[in-house]
C-alpha atoms as a PDB file:
ATOM      1  CA  MET A   1      98.619 -40.007 198.171  1.00  0.00           C
ATOM      2  CA  ARG A   2      96.092 -40.589 200.919  1.00  0.00           C
ATOM      3  CA  ILE A   3      94.612 -37.882 203.153  1.00  0.00           C
ATOM      4  CA  ASP A   4      92.405 -38.741 206.126  1.00  0.00           C
ATOM      5  CA  VAL A   5      90.484 -36.097 208.049  1.00  0.00           C
ATOM      6  CA  VAL A   6      89.327 -36.476 211.647  1.00  0.00           C
ATOM      7  CA  THR A   7      86.320 -34.193 211.923  1.00  0.00           C
ATOM      8  CA  LEU A   8      82.896 -33.833 213.530  1.00  0.00           C
ATOM      9  CA  PHE A   9      81.564 -32.797 210.106  1.00  0.00           C
ATOM     10  CA  PRO A  10      82.804 -35.394 207.592  1.00  0.00           C
ATOM     11  CA  GLU A  11      80.034 -34.529 205.134  1.00  0.00           C
ATOM     12  CA  MET A  12      81.417 -30.976 204.944  1.00  0.00           C
ATOM     13  CA  ILE A  13      84.819 -32.271 203.857  1.00  0.00           C
ATOM     14  CA  ALA A  14      83.406 -34.891 201.500  1.00  0.00           C
ATOM     15  CA  GLN A  15      81.224 -32.442 199.609  1.00  0.00           C
ATOM     16  CA  ALA A  16      83.733 -29.618 199.268  1.00  0.00           C
ATOM     17  CA  ALA A  17      86.559 -31.961 198.244  1.00  0.00           C
ATOM     18  CA  GLY A  18      84.550 -33.069 195.232  1.00  0.00           C
ATOM     19  CA  PHE A  19      84.763 -29.787 193.337  1.00  0.00           C
ATOM     20  CA  GLY A  20      87.244 -28.280 190.900  1.00  0.00           C
ATOM     21  CA  VAL A  21      90.876 -29.305 190.645  1.00  0.00           C
ATOM     22  CA  THR A  22      90.712 -31.141 193.972  1.00  0.00           C
ATOM     23  CA  GLY A  23      87.754 -33.245 192.887  1.00  0.00           C
ATOM     24  CA  ARG A  24      89.207 -34.028 189.453  1.00  0.00           C
ATOM     25  CA  ALA A  25      92.524 -35.060 190.998  1.00  0.00           C
ATOM     26  CA  ARG A  26      90.655 -37.410 193.303  1.00  0.00           C
ATOM     27  CA  GLU A  27      88.659 -38.865 190.403  1.00  0.00           C
ATOM     28  CA  ARG A  28      91.925 -39.531 188.590  1.00  0.00           C
ATOM     29  CA  GLY A  29      93.202 -41.467 191.580  1.00  0.00           C
ATOM     30  CA  LEU A  30      95.960 -38.960 192.371  1.00  0.00           C
ATOM     31  CA  TRP A  31      94.857 -38.842 196.003  1.00  0.00           C
ATOM     32  CA  HIS A  32      92.389 -40.702 198.207  1.00  0.00           C
ATOM     33  CA  LEU A  33      90.201 -39.380 201.020  1.00  0.00           C
ATOM     34  CA  GLY A  34      89.268 -40.990 204.317  1.00  0.00           C
ATOM     35  CA  LEU A  35      86.912 -39.459 206.883  1.00  0.00           C
ATOM     36  CA  TRP A  36      86.660 -40.232 210.596  1.00  0.00           C
ATOM     37  CA  ASN A  37      84.089 -38.834 213.004  1.00  0.00           C
ATOM     38  CA  PRO A  38      85.121 -38.923 216.697  1.00  0.00           C
ATOM     39  CA  ARG A  39      81.451 -39.459 217.597  1.00  0.00           C
ATOM     40  CA  ASP A  40      81.723 -42.931 216.099  1.00  0.00           C
ATOM     41  CA  PHE A  41      84.298 -43.799 218.765  1.00  0.00           C
ATOM     42  CA  THR A  42      82.321 -42.710 221.826  1.00  0.00           C
ATOM     43  CA  THR A  43      80.780 -45.172 224.302  1.00  0.00           C
ATOM     44  CA  ASP A  44      77.913 -43.190 225.868  1.00  0.00           C
ATOM     45  CA  ASN A  45      74.370 -42.844 224.553  1.00  0.00           C
ATOM     46  CA  HIS A  46      74.792 -39.138 223.829  1.00  0.00           C
ATOM     47  CA  LYS A  47      77.991 -39.664 221.772  1.00  0.00           C
ATOM     48  CA  THR A  48      79.741 -37.004 223.824  1.00  0.00           C
ATOM     49  CA  VAL A  49      82.884 -35.545 222.287  1.00  0.00           C
ATOM     50  CA  ASP A  50      83.443 -32.487 224.480  1.00  0.00           C
ATOM     51  CA  ASP A  51      83.416 -31.324 228.092  1.00  0.00           C
ATOM     52  CA  ARG A  52      84.031 -28.220 230.200  1.00  0.00           C
ATOM     53  CA  PRO A  53      87.637 -27.030 230.504  1.00  0.00           C
ATOM     54  CA  TYR A  54      89.529 -27.570 233.749  1.00  0.00           C
ATOM     55  CA  GLY A  55      90.196 -24.220 235.388  1.00  0.00           C
ATOM     56  CA  GLY A  56      86.910 -22.755 234.185  1.00  0.00           C
ATOM     57  CA  GLY A  57      86.258 -20.416 231.318  1.00  0.00           C
ATOM     58  CA  PRO A  58      83.900 -20.264 228.354  1.00  0.00           C
ATOM     59  CA  GLY A  59      83.312 -22.937 225.767  1.00  0.00           C
ATOM     60  CA  MET A  60      84.040 -26.628 225.647  1.00  0.00           C
ATOM     61  CA  VAL A  61      87.118 -28.734 224.943  1.00  0.00           C
ATOM     62  CA  MET A  62      87.184 -31.807 222.698  1.00  0.00           C
ATOM     63  CA  LEU A  63      87.742 -35.018 224.641  1.00  0.00           C
ATOM     64  CA  GLY A  64      90.968 -36.889 224.066  1.00  0.00           C
ATOM     65  CA  GLU A  65      89.714 -40.472 224.181  1.00  0.00           C
ATOM     66  CA  PRO A  66      87.418 -40.458 221.097  1.00  0.00           C
ATOM     67  CA  LEU A  67      90.086 -38.544 219.180  1.00  0.00           C
ATOM     68  CA  VAL A  68      92.805 -41.029 220.116  1.00  0.00           C
ATOM     69  CA  GLN A  69      90.730 -43.844 218.656  1.00  0.00           C
ATOM     70  CA  ALA A  70      89.742 -41.852 215.563  1.00  0.00           C
ATOM     71  CA  VAL A  71      93.359 -40.965 214.832  1.00  0.00           C
ATOM     72  CA  ALA A  72      94.384 -44.589 215.407  1.00  0.00           C
ATOM     73  CA  ALA A  73      91.766 -45.754 212.902  1.00  0.00           C
ATOM     74  CA  ALA A  74      92.959 -43.180 210.373  1.00  0.00           C
ATOM     75  CA  ARG A  75      96.585 -44.231 210.862  1.00  0.00           C
ATOM     76  CA  ALA A  76      95.624 -47.882 210.387  1.00  0.00           C
ATOM     77  CA  ALA A  77      93.795 -47.055 207.155  1.00  0.00           C
ATOM     78  CA  GLN A  78      96.855 -45.204 205.914  1.00  0.00           C
ATOM     79  CA  VAL A  79      99.152 -48.107 206.695  1.00  0.00           C
ATOM     80  CA  ALA A  80      96.735 -50.526 205.004  1.00  0.00           C
ATOM     81  CA  ALA A  81      96.894 -48.294 201.923  1.00  0.00           C
ATOM     82  CA  GLY A  82     100.671 -48.577 201.855  1.00  0.00           C
ATOM     83  CA  VAL A  83     101.735 -45.439 203.726  1.00  0.00           C
ATOM     84  CA  ALA A  84     104.654 -46.410 205.942  1.00  0.00           C
ATOM     85  CA  GLU A  85     104.612 -43.440 208.299  1.00  0.00           C
ATOM     86  CA  PRO A  86     101.459 -41.268 208.208  1.00  0.00           C
ATOM     87  CA  THR A  87     101.910 -37.668 209.374  1.00  0.00           C
ATOM     88  CA  VAL A  88      99.275 -36.259 211.733  1.00  0.00           C
ATOM     89  CA  ILE A  89      98.709 -32.537 211.171  1.00  0.00           C
ATOM     90  CA  HIS A  90      96.661 -30.425 213.569  1.00  0.00           C
ATOM     91  CA  LEU A  91      95.083 -27.379 211.920  1.00  0.00           C
ATOM     92  CA  SER A  92      95.499 -24.620 214.470  1.00  0.00           C
ATOM     93  CA  PRO A  93      96.094 -20.835 214.621  1.00  0.00           C
ATOM     94  CA  ALA A  94      98.953 -21.721 216.988  1.00  0.00           C
ATOM     95  CA  GLY A  95     100.705 -23.681 214.236  1.00  0.00           C
ATOM     96  CA  VAL A  96     103.463 -22.783 211.800  1.00  0.00           C
ATOM     97  CA  PRO A  97     102.133 -20.454 209.068  1.00  0.00           C
ATOM     98  CA  LEU A  98     101.539 -22.353 205.848  1.00  0.00           C
ATOM     99  CA  THR A  99     103.711 -21.313 202.895  1.00  0.00           C
ATOM    100  CA  HIS A 100     103.950 -22.395 199.284  1.00  0.00           C
ATOM    101  CA  GLN A 101     107.252 -24.125 199.960  1.00  0.00           C
ATOM    102  CA  HIS A 102     105.672 -26.092 202.805  1.00  0.00           C
ATOM    103  CA  VAL A 103     102.836 -27.136 200.501  1.00  0.00           C
ATOM    104  CA  LEU A 104     105.338 -28.333 197.895  1.00  0.00           C
ATOM    105  CA  ALA A 105     107.207 -30.364 200.500  1.00  0.00           C
ATOM    106  CA  LEU A 106     103.964 -32.047 201.560  1.00  0.00           C
ATOM    107  CA  ALA A 107     102.718 -32.616 198.016  1.00  0.00           C
ATOM    108  CA  LEU A 108     105.924 -33.991 196.545  1.00  0.00           C
ATOM    109  CA  ALA A 109     107.019 -36.194 199.451  1.00  0.00           C
ATOM    110  CA  ARG A 110     107.335 -39.808 198.348  1.00  0.00           C
ATOM    111  CA  ASN A 111     104.719 -42.275 199.602  1.00  0.00           C
ATOM    112  CA  ALA A 112     103.160 -39.518 201.686  1.00  0.00           C
ATOM    113  CA  GLY A 113     100.017 -39.819 203.766  1.00  0.00           C
ATOM    114  CA  TYR A 114      98.440 -37.245 206.048  1.00  0.00           C
ATOM    115  CA  VAL A 115      95.918 -37.372 208.859  1.00  0.00           C
ATOM    116  CA  LEU A 116      94.395 -33.919 209.291  1.00  0.00           C
ATOM    117  CA  LEU A 117      92.990 -33.186 212.727  1.00  0.00           C
ATOM    118  CA  ALA A 118      90.170 -30.625 212.529  1.00  0.00           C
ATOM    119  CA  GLY A 119      89.270 -29.374 215.992  1.00  0.00           C
ATOM    120  CA  ARG A 120      86.152 -27.551 217.173  1.00  0.00           C
ATOM    121  CA  TYR A 121      84.933 -25.555 220.169  1.00  0.00           C
ATOM    122  CA  GLU A 122      87.688 -23.997 222.329  1.00  0.00           C
ATOM    123  CA  GLY A 123      90.182 -26.594 221.183  1.00  0.00           C
ATOM    124  CA  ILE A 124      91.454 -30.118 221.800  1.00  0.00           C
ATOM    125  CA  ASP A 125      92.766 -31.645 225.012  1.00  0.00           C
ATOM    126  CA  GLU A 126      96.475 -30.829 224.947  1.00  0.00           C
ATOM    127  CA  ARG A 127      97.425 -34.347 225.993  1.00  0.00           C
ATOM    128  CA  LEU A 128      95.985 -35.710 222.762  1.00  0.00           C
ATOM    129  CA  LEU A 129      97.927 -33.178 220.698  1.00  0.00           C
ATOM    130  CA  THR A 130     101.167 -33.899 222.522  1.00  0.00           C
ATOM    131  CA  ARG A 131     100.723 -37.614 221.939  1.00  0.00           C
ATOM    132  CA  GLU A 132      99.373 -37.701 218.399  1.00  0.00           C
ATOM    133  CA  ALA A 133     100.179 -34.542 216.425  1.00  0.00           C
ATOM    134  CA  ASP A 134     103.389 -34.551 214.390  1.00  0.00           C
ATOM    135  CA  GLU A 135     103.021 -30.922 213.390  1.00  0.00           C
ATOM    136  CA  GLU A 136     100.637 -27.972 213.612  1.00  0.00           C
ATOM    137  CA  ILE A 137      99.801 -25.750 210.665  1.00  0.00           C
ATOM    138  CA  SER A 138      98.099 -22.345 210.611  1.00  0.00           C
ATOM    139  CA  ILE A 139      96.524 -20.848 207.500  1.00  0.00           C
ATOM    140  CA  GLY A 140      96.566 -17.321 208.904  1.00  0.00           C
ATOM    141  CA  ASP A 141      96.500 -15.089 211.937  1.00  0.00           C
ATOM    142  CA  PHE A 142      92.770 -15.317 212.504  1.00  0.00           C
ATOM    143  CA  VAL A 143      90.271 -17.676 214.095  1.00  0.00           C
ATOM    144  CA  VAL A 144      87.524 -19.700 212.395  1.00  0.00           C
ATOM    145  CA  SER A 145      84.883 -21.924 213.958  1.00  0.00           C
ATOM    146  CA  GLY A 146      86.721 -25.167 213.315  1.00  0.00           C
ATOM    147  CA  GLY A 147      89.529 -26.884 211.482  1.00  0.00           C
ATOM    148  CA  GLU A 148      87.456 -28.083 208.531  1.00  0.00           C
ATOM    149  CA  LEU A 149      87.944 -25.030 206.314  1.00  0.00           C
ATOM    150  CA  PRO A 150      91.707 -24.881 207.014  1.00  0.00           C
ATOM    151  CA  ALA A 151      91.884 -28.632 206.294  1.00  0.00           C
ATOM    152  CA  LEU A 152      90.094 -28.128 202.971  1.00  0.00           C
ATOM    153  CA  MET A 153      92.435 -25.287 202.067  1.00  0.00           C
ATOM    154  CA  LEU A 154      95.434 -27.471 202.804  1.00  0.00           C
ATOM    155  CA  ILE A 155      93.955 -30.357 200.790  1.00  0.00           C
ATOM    156  CA  ASP A 156      93.309 -28.080 197.822  1.00  0.00           C
ATOM    157  CA  ALA A 157      96.789 -26.559 197.983  1.00  0.00           C
ATOM    158  CA  ILE A 158      98.375 -30.020 198.047  1.00  0.00           C
ATOM    159  CA  ALA A 159      96.125 -31.599 195.411  1.00  0.00           C
ATOM    160  CA  ARG A 160      96.809 -28.963 192.743  1.00  0.00           C
ATOM    161  CA  GLN A 161     100.557 -29.639 193.069  1.00  0.00           C
ATOM    162  CA  LEU A 162     100.244 -33.370 192.390  1.00  0.00           C
ATOM    163  CA  PRO A 163     101.583 -34.349 188.960  1.00  0.00           C
ATOM    164  CA  GLY A 164      98.644 -34.714 186.579  1.00  0.00           C
ATOM    165  CA  ALA A 165      96.201 -32.630 188.643  1.00  0.00           C
ATOM    166  CA  LEU A 166      96.215 -29.637 186.284  1.00  0.00           C
ATOM    167  CA  HIS A 167      95.569 -29.660 182.538  1.00  0.00           C
ATOM    168  CA  ASP A 168      98.649 -27.470 182.046  1.00  0.00           C
ATOM    169  CA  GLU A 169     101.576 -28.349 184.300  1.00  0.00           C
ATOM    170  CA  GLN A 170     102.920 -24.794 183.937  1.00  0.00           C
ATOM    171  CA  SER A 171      99.851 -23.434 185.736  1.00  0.00           C
ATOM    172  CA  ALA A 172     101.149 -24.518 189.144  1.00  0.00           C
ATOM    173  CA  GLN A 173     104.607 -23.163 188.342  1.00  0.00           C
ATOM    174  CA  GLN A 174     103.138 -19.740 187.561  1.00  0.00           C
ATOM    175  CA  ASP A 175     100.852 -19.482 190.590  1.00  0.00           C
ATOM    176  CA  SER A 176     101.286 -16.708 193.115  1.00  0.00           C
ATOM    177  CA  PHE A 177     104.131 -17.503 195.530  1.00  0.00           C
ATOM    178  CA  ALA A 178     105.522 -20.252 193.266  1.00  0.00           C
ATOM    179  CA  ALA A 179     108.532 -18.021 192.603  1.00  0.00           C
ATOM    180  CA  GLY A 180     108.238 -16.217 195.921  1.00  0.00           C
ATOM    181  CA  LEU A 181     106.294 -13.354 194.327  1.00  0.00           C
ATOM    182  CA  LEU A 182     102.686 -12.384 193.810  1.00  0.00           C
ATOM    183  CA  ASP A 183     101.231 -13.207 190.430  1.00  0.00           C
ATOM    184  CA  CYS A 184     101.044 -10.634 187.648  1.00  0.00           C
ATOM    185  CA  PRO A 185      97.715  -9.203 186.390  1.00  0.00           C
ATOM    186  CA  HIS A 186      95.789 -11.309 183.862  1.00  0.00           C
ATOM    187  CA  TYR A 187      93.459 -10.267 181.012  1.00  0.00           C
ATOM    188  CA  THR A 188      91.112 -11.956 178.534  1.00  0.00           C
ATOM    189  CA  ARG A 189      88.499 -10.925 175.958  1.00  0.00           C
ATOM    190  CA  PRO A 190      87.294  -8.347 175.069  1.00  0.00           C
ATOM    191  CA  GLU A 191      90.345  -6.230 174.286  1.00  0.00           C
ATOM    192  CA  VAL A 192      88.561  -3.166 175.678  1.00  0.00           C
ATOM    193  CA  LEU A 193      86.319  -3.419 178.745  1.00  0.00           C
ATOM    194  CA  ASP A 194      84.501  -0.295 179.987  1.00  0.00           C
ATOM    195  CA  GLY A 195      87.010   1.854 178.167  1.00  0.00           C
ATOM    196  CA  VAL A 196      90.072   0.069 179.595  1.00  0.00           C
ATOM    197  CA  ALA A 197      92.293  -1.694 177.071  1.00  0.00           C
ATOM    198  CA  VAL A 198      94.447  -4.767 177.552  1.00  0.00           C
ATOM    199  CA  PRO A 199      98.140  -3.756 177.829  1.00  0.00           C
ATOM    200  CA  ALA A 200      99.508  -3.597 174.294  1.00  0.00           C
ATOM    201  CA  VAL A 201     102.476  -5.831 175.064  1.00  0.00           C
ATOM    202  CA  LEU A 202     100.134  -8.784 175.715  1.00  0.00           C
ATOM    203  CA  LEU A 203      98.740  -8.426 172.194  1.00  0.00           C
ATOM    204  CA  SER A 204     102.136  -8.082 170.547  1.00  0.00           C
ATOM    205  CA  GLY A 205     103.001 -11.772 170.266  1.00  0.00           C
ATOM    206  CA  HIS A 206     106.536 -10.906 171.404  1.00  0.00           C
ATOM    207  CA  HIS A 207     107.122 -13.655 173.970  1.00  0.00           C
ATOM    208  CA  ALA A 208     110.316 -12.218 175.435  1.00  0.00           C
ATOM    209  CA  GLU A 209     108.679  -8.837 176.034  1.00  0.00           C
ATOM    210  CA  ILE A 210     105.568 -10.489 177.475  1.00  0.00           C
ATOM    211  CA  ARG A 211     107.722 -12.489 179.914  1.00  0.00           C
ATOM    212  CA  ARG A 212     109.585  -9.314 180.885  1.00  0.00           C
ATOM    213  CA  TRP A 213     106.336  -7.391 181.422  1.00  0.00           C
ATOM    214  CA  ARG A 214     104.823 -10.135 183.529  1.00  0.00           C
ATOM    215  CA  LEU A 215     107.912 -10.394 185.718  1.00  0.00           C
ATOM    216  CA  LYS A 216     107.987  -6.623 186.176  1.00  0.00           C
ATOM    217  CA  GLN A 217     104.313  -6.543 187.151  1.00  0.00           C
ATOM    218  CA  SER A 218     104.820  -9.453 189.543  1.00  0.00           C
ATOM    219  CA  LEU A 219     107.745  -7.691 191.214  1.00  0.00           C
ATOM    220  CA  GLY A 220     105.865  -4.397 191.368  1.00  0.00           C
ATOM    221  CA  ARG A 221     102.711  -5.907 192.781  1.00  0.00           C
ATOM    222  CA  THR A 222     104.746  -7.729 195.443  1.00  0.00           C
ATOM    223  CA  TRP A 223     106.581  -4.485 196.324  1.00  0.00           C
ATOM    224  CA  GLU A 224     103.261  -2.648 196.689  1.00  0.00           C
ATOM    225  CA  ARG A 225     101.170  -5.272 198.450  1.00  0.00           C
ATOM    226  CA  ARG A 226     103.539  -7.723 200.152  1.00  0.00           C
ATOM    227  CA  PRO A 227     106.909  -5.998 200.612  1.00  0.00           C
ATOM    228  CA  ASP A 228     107.727  -8.525 203.347  1.00  0.00           C
ATOM    229  CA  LEU A 229     108.228 -11.128 200.613  1.00  0.00           C
ATOM    230  CA  LEU A 230     111.091  -9.092 199.189  1.00  0.00           C
ATOM    231  CA  VAL A 231     112.955  -8.544 202.462  1.00  0.00           C
ATOM    232  CA  ASP A 232     114.940 -11.780 202.356  1.00  0.00           C
ATOM    233  CA  ARG A 233     114.868 -12.219 198.580  1.00  0.00           C
ATOM    234  CA  THR A 234     118.047 -11.664 196.606  1.00  0.00           C
ATOM    235  CA  LEU A 235     116.961 -10.091 193.333  1.00  0.00           C
ATOM    236  CA  SER A 236     118.744 -11.015 190.134  1.00  0.00           C
ATOM    237  CA  ASN A 237     120.164  -8.166 188.045  1.00  0.00           C
ATOM    238  CA  GLU A 238     117.162  -8.393 185.742  1.00  0.00           C
ATOM    239  CA  GLU A 239     114.681  -8.399 188.644  1.00  0.00           C
ATOM    240  CA  ALA A 240     116.353  -5.413 190.300  1.00  0.00           C
ATOM    241  CA  ALA A 241     116.279  -3.466 187.042  1.00  0.00           C
ATOM    242  CA  LEU A 242     112.635  -4.327 186.379  1.00  0.00           C
ATOM    243  CA  LEU A 243     111.554  -3.380 189.889  1.00  0.00           C
ATOM    244  CA  ALA A 244     113.393  -0.053 189.619  1.00  0.00           C
ATOM    245  CA  GLU A 245     111.686   0.531 186.271  1.00  0.00           C
ATOM    246  CA  TYR A 246     108.289  -0.243 187.785  1.00  0.00           C
ATOM    247  CA  GLN A 247     108.939   2.149 190.676  1.00  0.00           C
ATOM    248  CA  ARG A 248     109.957   4.949 188.283  1.00  0.00           C
ATOM    249  CA  GLU A 249     106.785   4.403 186.268  1.00  0.00           C
ATOM    250  CA  GLN A 250     104.651   4.587 189.412  1.00  0.00           C
ATOM    251  CA  ARG A 251     106.323   7.791 190.585  1.00  0.00           C
ATOM    252  CA  ALA A 252     105.888   9.310 187.120  1.00  0.00           C
ATOM    253  CA  GLY A 253     102.207   8.353 187.152  1.00  0.00           C
ATOM    254  CA  GLU A 254     101.667   9.933 190.558  1.00  0.00           C
ATOM    255  CA  GLY A 255     103.254  13.143 189.323  1.00  0.00           C
ATOM    256  CA  LYS A 256     100.726  13.617 186.559  1.00  0.00           C
END
């Protein structure tokens, strides 16, 4: 897989993409990174990439012309690397909210290549977006200073799903949201920390009971913290029973 990022701060992407799972996956050749700075495609001495918005208002808007050329260069690099149809993704709070299922679709698409467009300032000239962007993705209902951090989050989410990226392939399958639920609590040594013991079931060695406990905790945590995830979910008989059991335990605990 190849991912190109069009950004005014390529060094920010290059450095952050070298750490952890993302960096190891890149070292293993599971994905390749290309970086394109719109300033390199300007023609004036000041390397201007922004201007005042028509209609007035605060801030500046990124110019379309340098971005058109930067995206074209990124597309050409993708094609040269064997990607038949690169997908241009604009990172924007106006985009479709990113979900785990969307990440999987991006990560597991055959012969996939992505050009991530990381805007700055008040935004990008709409004509460029209309012409070049295939889709827009949002990482949340909030605003950050630019598209670089959202782009890095998307890269990391995709990279960890690539076959061979993780030491244990089951890790990705057990992540939060992988099954549409939040992850269960996790514990490690020591068995007692500040007077709080690890749940006995996790020390029992009884794999069926451990699986049951983890599923119950995952369901309960989702019910408490992200009930919206359960609205459209059809629970299996086991899941419904475990969630009811969790709820009874919580009510009993509150009554003490």
